[in-house]
């Protein structure tokens, strides 16, 4: 029977870290959440409310901003980017409008980008750059969901990532792409599958994998648990569940559970990123002439 990967317990450790960091910061982090057409996105609205509850527990001010249309959304992004009191900005994707999600991601200031989705932050990930300023321990920000999956796996010492073969069933900007880069940076061999991957190829990749991460948003998608290599680690990032848990637990050595998936840990990583963004705040201030002379 598989060991259950306890996402909530790992999340609690990172939230405790964030709480300790926030407690000693002179300039407290302030988060702005920006949601387009909340009435049309109940799942995003629910997630926004969970973020607000986490913020309250940490003593972080979270300003809930809503936009009625694309024009108001873009105006709000510009305003919050310019607001010196706001240290982190979070949008909820998919936007579900005429704007491309990827284009809007690049409108958020990379130094306020708690989701790590700006091309600048993704570029740091490609280059495996960990610090914006190592001497001051100012770290780069990476996508929260992908980071949550990595931190979950790393919390269990018997799950080997270096030299492992990993199959990711997702190729999105928020999960599959950055997660693949993170795991490659840690020494894994990574294959990403998605809706255009032939079923036979998907089966072959899953059967070979030491670690399988699945994040398919389609409720009709079900992964055949019999494909899993006995002893593999299985992480289900999807909201509705991509596989039968009992069947997975009978073959895998480690597995997430339906009532303890990655959501809480993803939110914890958002607040870890918010701490990093707050520490990045001095980098947003242009140097005064005297500072430039003194170097």
Protein backbone atom coordinates (compact mmCIF):
# COMPACT_ATOMS: atom_id res chain seq x y z
CA UNK A 1 0.00 0.00 0.00
CA UNK A 2 1.33 3.43 -0.92
CA UNK A 3 2.58 5.96 1.61
CA UNK A 4 0.31 9.00 1.38
CA UNK A 5 2.13 12.17 0.37
CA UNK A 6 0.91 14.57 3.04
CA UNK A 7 0.54 17.88 1.19
CA UNK A 8 -1.07 19.65 4.14
CA UNK A 9 1.77 18.74 6.52
CA UNK A 10 4.42 19.99 4.08
CA UNK A 11 2.34 23.14 3.49
CA UNK A 12 2.22 23.79 7.24
CA UNK A 13 6.03 23.76 7.42
CA UNK A 14 6.36 26.34 4.64
CA UNK A 15 3.60 28.54 6.05
CA UNK A 16 5.40 28.45 9.40
CA UNK A 17 8.59 29.55 7.62
CA UNK A 18 6.71 32.39 5.93
CA UNK A 19 5.20 33.44 9.28
CA UNK A 20 8.65 33.60 10.89
CA UNK A 21 10.04 35.65 8.00
CA UNK A 22 7.10 38.06 8.00
CA UNK A 23 7.33 38.54 11.77
CA UNK A 24 10.83 40.05 11.53
CA UNK A 25 10.32 42.12 8.37
CA UNK A 26 10.16 45.87 8.90
CA UNK A 27 8.18 46.33 5.69
CA UNK A 28 5.40 43.79 5.78
CA UNK A 29 4.33 42.07 2.54
CA UNK A 30 1.05 43.15 1.00
CA UNK A 31 -0.69 40.97 -1.57
CA UNK A 32 -3.17 42.06 -4.22
CA UNK A 33 -5.35 39.41 -5.87
CA UNK A 34 -6.93 40.37 -9.17
CA UNK A 35 -9.89 38.40 -10.48
CA UNK A 36 -11.63 39.01 -13.81
CA UNK A 37 -15.43 38.64 -13.86
CA UNK A 38 -15.76 36.74 -10.56
CA UNK A 39 -19.36 35.71 -11.29
CA UNK A 40 -18.14 33.68 -14.28
CA UNK A 41 -15.27 31.99 -12.45
CA UNK A 42 -16.54 30.34 -9.26
CA UNK A 43 -13.47 28.08 -8.93
CA UNK A 44 -11.13 31.07 -9.13
CA UNK A 45 -13.32 32.95 -6.68
CA UNK A 46 -13.12 30.05 -4.24
CA UNK A 47 -9.34 29.87 -4.61
CA UNK A 48 -9.09 33.65 -4.07
CA UNK A 49 -11.03 33.27 -0.82
CA UNK A 50 -8.70 30.50 0.39
CA UNK A 51 -5.71 32.72 -0.35
CA UNK A 52 -7.37 35.50 1.68
CA UNK A 53 -7.88 33.14 4.65
CA UNK A 54 -4.23 32.03 4.53
CA UNK A 55 -3.15 35.68 4.39
CA UNK A 56 -5.25 36.53 7.45
CA UNK A 57 -3.64 33.69 9.42
CA UNK A 58 -0.20 35.03 8.47
CA UNK A 59 -1.07 38.64 9.29
CA UNK A 60 -0.71 39.66 5.65
CA UNK A 61 -3.02 42.25 4.10
CA UNK A 62 -4.60 40.80 0.96
CA UNK A 63 -6.46 43.30 -1.20
CA UNK A 64 -9.12 41.56 -3.29
CA UNK A 65 -9.45 43.46 -6.55
CA UNK A 66 -12.08 42.55 -9.14
CA UNK A 67 -12.33 43.61 -12.78
CA UNK A 68 -15.55 43.69 -14.78
CA UNK A 69 -13.86 43.55 -18.19
CA UNK A 70 -10.51 43.30 -19.95
CA UNK A 71 -9.97 47.05 -19.95
CA UNK A 72 -10.44 47.27 -16.20
CA UNK A 73 -8.17 44.26 -15.72
CA UNK A 74 -5.30 45.87 -17.60
CA UNK A 75 -5.83 49.18 -15.82
CA UNK A 76 -5.71 47.39 -12.46
CA UNK A 77 -2.48 45.58 -13.37
CA UNK A 78 -0.83 48.90 -14.24
CA UNK A 79 -2.09 50.53 -11.04
CA UNK A 80 -0.96 47.70 -8.78
CA UNK A 81 2.42 47.48 -10.49
CA UNK A 82 2.94 51.17 -9.68
CA UNK A 83 1.61 50.96 -6.11
CA UNK A 84 4.61 50.90 -3.77
CA UNK A 85 2.49 49.47 -0.96
CA UNK A 86 1.72 46.32 -2.98
CA UNK A 87 4.59 43.83 -2.85
CA UNK A 88 2.91 40.93 -4.64
CA UNK A 89 0.30 40.62 -7.39
CA UNK A 90 -1.66 37.48 -8.18
CA UNK A 91 -4.04 36.96 -11.10
CA UNK A 92 -6.28 33.97 -11.61
CA UNK A 93 -5.90 31.96 -14.80
CA UNK A 94 -7.32 31.00 -17.18
CA UNK A 95 -8.73 34.47 -17.68
CA UNK A 96 -11.35 33.18 -20.08
CA UNK A 97 -11.47 36.29 -22.23
CA UNK A 98 -10.07 37.72 -25.46
CA UNK A 99 -6.68 38.38 -23.90
CA UNK A 100 -4.02 35.68 -24.06
CA UNK A 101 -3.08 34.50 -20.58
CA UNK A 102 0.60 34.48 -21.54
CA UNK A 103 0.47 38.12 -22.66
CA UNK A 104 -1.13 39.25 -19.40
CA UNK A 105 1.43 37.26 -17.39
CA UNK A 106 4.12 39.48 -18.90
CA UNK A 107 2.31 42.68 -17.89
CA UNK A 108 2.73 41.90 -14.18
CA UNK A 109 5.94 43.37 -12.75
CA UNK A 110 8.44 40.48 -12.50
CA UNK A 111 9.41 41.73 -9.03
CA UNK A 112 5.77 41.50 -7.85
CA UNK A 113 5.01 38.27 -9.72
CA UNK A 114 4.13 35.87 -6.88
CA UNK A 115 3.13 33.26 -9.47
CA UNK A 116 6.51 33.28 -11.20
CA UNK A 117 4.91 33.36 -14.64
CA UNK A 118 6.56 36.44 -16.15
CA UNK A 119 8.98 35.59 -18.96
CA UNK A 120 11.82 37.08 -16.91
CA UNK A 121 11.18 34.73 -13.99
CA UNK A 122 10.71 31.74 -16.28
CA UNK A 123 13.97 32.70 -17.97
CA UNK A 124 15.78 32.52 -14.64
CA UNK A 125 14.36 29.04 -14.21
CA UNK A 126 15.64 27.96 -17.62
CA UNK A 127 19.12 29.15 -16.64
CA UNK A 128 18.79 27.64 -13.14
CA UNK A 129 19.44 31.05 -11.59
CA UNK A 130 18.41 30.83 -7.94
CA UNK A 131 19.21 34.29 -6.60
CA UNK A 132 18.62 37.83 -7.81
CA UNK A 133 21.11 38.95 -5.15
CA UNK A 134 22.83 36.04 -3.43
CA UNK A 135 24.75 38.22 -0.96
CA UNK A 136 21.45 39.54 0.40
CA UNK A 137 19.68 36.18 -0.01
CA UNK A 138 17.15 37.70 -2.43
CA UNK A 139 15.82 34.69 -4.31
CA UNK A 140 14.21 34.30 -7.70
CA UNK A 141 10.52 33.44 -7.85
CA UNK A 142 9.29 30.31 -9.64
CA UNK A 143 5.74 29.10 -10.43
CA UNK A 144 3.95 28.12 -7.23
CA UNK A 145 2.19 24.92 -8.36
CA UNK A 146 5.29 23.44 -9.95
CA UNK A 147 7.35 24.44 -6.91
CA UNK A 148 4.78 22.77 -4.65
CA UNK A 149 5.13 19.48 -6.54
CA UNK A 150 8.93 19.59 -6.21
CA UNK A 151 8.86 20.47 -2.50
CA UNK A 152 6.38 17.66 -1.86
CA UNK A 153 8.64 15.10 -3.51
CA UNK A 154 11.73 16.46 -1.76
CA UNK A 155 9.99 16.13 1.62
CA UNK A 156 10.32 12.33 1.31
CA UNK A 157 14.02 11.33 1.29
CA UNK A 158 13.34 7.92 -0.23
CA UNK A 159 11.97 9.52 -3.41
CA UNK A 160 15.00 9.92 -5.62
CA UNK A 161 14.91 12.75 -8.16
CA UNK A 162 18.51 12.81 -9.34
CA UNK A 163 18.76 10.17 -12.06
CA UNK A 164 15.01 9.45 -11.95
CA UNK A 165 12.82 9.12 -15.03
CA UNK A 166 9.83 11.44 -14.61
CA UNK A 167 6.66 11.59 -16.70
CA UNK A 168 4.57 14.75 -16.44
CA UNK A 169 1.09 14.65 -17.95
CA UNK A 170 0.64 18.36 -18.53
CA UNK A 171 2.37 20.90 -20.74
CA UNK A 172 0.96 24.17 -19.39
CA UNK A 173 2.81 27.33 -18.49
CA UNK A 174 1.75 27.02 -14.86
CA UNK A 175 2.52 23.36 -14.23
CA UNK A 176 4.11 21.12 -16.86
CA UNK A 177 6.66 23.44 -18.46
CA UNK A 178 8.17 24.91 -15.26
CA UNK A 179 7.96 21.61 -13.38
CA UNK A 180 9.91 19.89 -16.13
CA UNK A 181 12.63 22.54 -15.89
CA UNK A 182 12.80 22.29 -12.11
CA UNK A 183 13.15 18.53 -12.14
CA UNK A 184 15.74 18.65 -14.91
CA UNK A 185 17.69 21.15 -12.82
CA UNK A 186 17.63 18.57 -10.02
CA UNK A 187 19.06 15.87 -12.27
CA UNK A 188 15.94 14.03 -13.44
CA UNK A 189 15.19 12.91 -16.99
CA UNK A 190 11.80 14.40 -17.82
CA UNK A 191 9.19 13.63 -20.48
CA UNK A 192 6.08 15.78 -20.80
CA UNK A 193 2.90 14.32 -22.30
CA UNK A 194 -0.30 16.16 -23.13
CA UNK A 195 -3.48 15.90 -25.19
CA UNK A 196 -1.61 15.42 -28.47
CA UNK A 197 0.51 12.55 -27.12
CA UNK A 198 -0.66 9.24 -28.65
CA UNK A 199 -2.12 6.93 -26.02
CA UNK A 200 0.45 4.21 -26.71
CA UNK A 201 3.29 6.68 -26.16
CA UNK A 202 1.65 7.95 -22.96
CA UNK A 203 1.38 4.39 -21.67
CA UNK A 204 5.03 3.68 -22.47
CA UNK A 205 6.19 6.84 -20.69
CA UNK A 206 4.10 6.12 -17.59
CA UNK A 207 5.29 2.51 -17.42
CA UNK A 208 8.93 3.67 -17.45
CA UNK A 209 8.51 6.45 -14.90
CA UNK A 210 9.90 6.46 -11.39
CA UNK A 211 7.77 9.54 -10.75
CA UNK A 212 4.47 10.43 -12.43
CA UNK A 213 2.88 13.86 -12.06
CA UNK A 214 -0.51 14.36 -13.67
CA UNK A 215 -2.43 17.64 -13.96
CA UNK A 216 -5.03 17.16 -16.68
CA UNK A 217 -7.96 19.61 -16.25
CA UNK A 218 -10.33 17.50 -18.37
CA UNK A 219 -12.78 15.66 -16.03
CA UNK A 220 -13.08 12.83 -18.56
CA UNK A 221 -9.37 11.98 -18.41
CA UNK A 222 -8.52 8.89 -16.37
CA UNK A 223 -5.04 7.43 -16.14
CA UNK A 224 -4.89 3.63 -16.11
CA UNK A 225 -3.29 2.83 -12.75
CA UNK A 226 -2.07 -0.51 -14.13
CA UNK A 227 0.45 1.47 -16.20
CA UNK A 228 2.27 2.63 -13.09
CA UNK A 229 5.61 1.03 -12.35
CA UNK A 230 5.41 -0.80 -9.00
CA UNK A 231 7.15 1.40 -6.44
CA UNK A 232 6.72 4.64 -8.38
CA UNK A 233 5.73 7.97 -6.83
CA UNK A 234 2.44 9.43 -8.08
CA UNK A 235 1.40 13.07 -7.68
CA UNK A 236 -2.09 14.09 -8.82
CA UNK A 237 -2.28 17.88 -9.22
CA UNK A 238 -5.70 17.93 -10.89
CA UNK A 239 -8.77 19.30 -9.16
CA UNK A 240 -11.10 16.42 -9.96
CA UNK A 241 -8.61 13.52 -9.83
CA UNK A 242 -6.92 11.91 -12.83
CA UNK A 243 -6.84 8.33 -11.54
CA UNK A 244 -8.53 5.92 -9.17
CA UNK A 245 -6.79 6.40 -5.84
CA UNK A 246 -7.27 2.84 -4.56
CA UNK A 247 -5.82 1.36 -7.76
CA UNK A 248 -2.90 3.80 -7.65
CA UNK A 249 -2.19 3.07 -3.98
CA UNK A 250 -2.04 -0.65 -4.72
CA UNK A 251 0.89 -0.17 -7.13
CA UNK A 252 2.71 3.03 -6.19
CA UNK A 253 5.09 3.42 -3.26
CA UNK A 254 4.00 7.03 -2.70
CA UNK A 255 0.81 8.77 -3.80
CA UNK A 256 -1.30 11.84 -3.14
CA UNK A 257 -4.78 11.25 -1.72
CA UNK A 258 -8.06 12.71 -3.04
CA UNK A 259 -8.61 14.68 0.19
CA UNK A 260 -5.00 15.86 0.51
CA UNK A 261 -3.88 17.10 -2.89
CA UNK A 262 -1.54 19.91 -3.80
CA UNK A 263 -3.82 22.93 -3.29
CA UNK A 264 -2.75 23.82 0.26
CA UNK A 265 0.92 23.43 -0.61
CA UNK A 266 0.54 25.55 -3.75
CA UNK A 267 -0.97 28.32 -1.64
CA UNK A 268 1.91 27.99 0.82
CA UNK A 269 4.38 28.42 -2.05
CA UNK A 270 2.49 31.57 -3.08
CA UNK A 271 3.25 33.07 0.33
CA UNK A 272 6.87 31.91 0.18
CA UNK A 273 7.04 33.77 -3.15
CA UNK A 274 5.35 36.78 -1.56
CA UNK A 275 8.12 36.91 1.06
CA UNK A 276 10.71 36.81 -1.73
CA UNK A 277 8.91 39.60 -3.59
CA UNK A 278 8.81 41.73 -0.44
CA UNK A 279 12.55 41.23 -0.06
CA UNK A 280 12.94 42.21 -3.71
CA UNK A 281 11.31 45.60 -3.02
CA UNK A 282 14.64 47.50 -2.78
CA UNK A 283 15.47 46.33 -6.30
CA UNK A 284 12.43 48.26 -7.61
CA UNK A 285 13.82 51.59 -6.41
CA UNK A 286 16.04 53.44 -8.86
CA UNK A 287 19.45 54.30 -7.42
CA UNK A 288 19.95 57.92 -6.37
CA UNK A 289 22.94 59.70 -7.93
CA UNK A 290 24.88 59.46 -4.66
CA UNK A 291 24.19 55.74 -4.40
CA UNK A 292 25.41 55.25 -7.96
CA UNK A 293 28.69 57.04 -7.15
CA UNK A 294 29.25 54.98 -4.04
CA UNK A 295 28.49 51.79 -5.97
